[in-house]
């Protein structure tokens, strides 16, 4: 994949995928912590990291070039 020339559609698809993953982590991690499969600190780190990825894709959408916006 050519990350320098992503279309707005590709950016949105990746953003939605990251958002789904973030939702899964928010749902599953509390149970994993309770079951002793993950520490609270690890869960917080992983959720924060995925939130930053979602935030980055949101930023990319807002700052897409006119060329990227017309290449759906």
Protein backbone atom coordinates (compact mmCIF):
# COMPACT_ATOMS: atom_id res chain seq x y z
CA UNK A 1 0.00 0.00 0.00
CA UNK A 2 1.23 3.44 -0.91
CA UNK A 3 0.73 5.38 2.32
CA UNK A 4 1.77 8.65 0.70
CA UNK A 5 -1.21 8.60 -1.66
CA UNK A 6 -4.09 7.28 0.44
CA UNK A 7 -7.55 8.27 -0.68
CA UNK A 8 -10.09 9.63 1.79
CA UNK A 9 -11.99 6.37 1.34
CA UNK A 10 -8.95 4.32 2.35
CA UNK A 11 -8.30 6.57 5.32
CA UNK A 12 -11.92 6.25 6.43
CA UNK A 13 -11.82 2.47 6.09
CA UNK A 14 -8.70 2.26 8.27
CA UNK A 15 -10.22 4.70 10.77
CA UNK A 16 -13.38 2.61 11.07
CA UNK A 17 -11.31 -0.57 11.51
CA UNK A 18 -9.26 1.05 14.29
CA UNK A 19 -12.45 2.32 15.93
CA UNK A 20 -13.95 -1.20 15.93
CA UNK A 21 -10.76 -2.51 17.52
CA UNK A 22 -10.90 0.22 20.15
CA UNK A 23 -14.50 -0.73 20.98
CA UNK A 24 -13.51 -4.41 21.27
CA UNK A 25 -10.68 -3.55 23.65
CA UNK A 26 -12.97 -1.45 25.80
CA UNK A 27 -15.43 -4.35 25.99
CA UNK A 28 -13.05 -7.28 26.44
CA UNK A 29 -10.23 -5.91 28.56
CA UNK A 30 -12.26 -5.38 31.76
CA UNK A 31 -13.20 -9.08 31.68
CA UNK A 32 -9.61 -10.09 30.99
CA UNK A 33 -8.43 -7.98 33.91
CA UNK A 34 -11.03 -9.57 36.16
CA UNK A 35 -9.97 -13.04 34.98
CA UNK A 36 -6.31 -12.23 35.65
CA UNK A 37 -5.36 -12.49 31.96
CA UNK A 38 -4.26 -8.84 31.72
CA UNK A 39 -3.13 -6.15 34.11
CA UNK A 40 -4.95 -2.85 34.48
CA UNK A 41 -1.82 -1.01 33.38
CA UNK A 42 -1.43 -3.09 30.21
CA UNK A 43 -5.11 -2.58 29.35
CA UNK A 44 -4.87 1.17 29.82
CA UNK A 45 -1.75 1.32 27.66
CA UNK A 46 -3.33 -0.75 24.86
CA UNK A 47 -6.56 1.25 24.87
CA UNK A 48 -4.66 4.55 24.87
CA UNK A 49 -2.48 3.37 21.97
CA UNK A 50 -5.51 2.39 19.88
CA UNK A 51 -7.24 5.68 20.73
CA UNK A 52 -4.18 7.52 19.42
CA UNK A 53 -4.40 5.54 16.17
CA UNK A 54 -8.09 6.48 15.80
CA UNK A 55 -7.22 10.11 16.55
CA UNK A 56 -4.51 10.05 13.89
CA UNK A 57 -6.88 8.73 11.22
CA UNK A 58 -9.43 11.39 12.25
CA UNK A 59 -6.69 13.99 11.80
CA UNK A 60 -5.79 12.56 8.39
CA UNK A 61 -9.41 12.84 7.25
CA UNK A 62 -9.65 16.46 8.36
CA UNK A 63 -6.36 17.37 6.68
CA UNK A 64 -6.77 15.38 3.48
CA UNK A 65 -5.58 17.16 0.36
CA UNK A 66 -8.10 18.11 -2.33
CA UNK A 67 -6.64 15.34 -4.50
CA UNK A 68 -7.26 12.75 -1.80
CA UNK A 69 -10.82 13.96 -1.30
CA UNK A 70 -11.71 13.48 -4.97
CA UNK A 71 -10.22 9.99 -5.30
CA UNK A 72 -13.02 7.97 -3.72
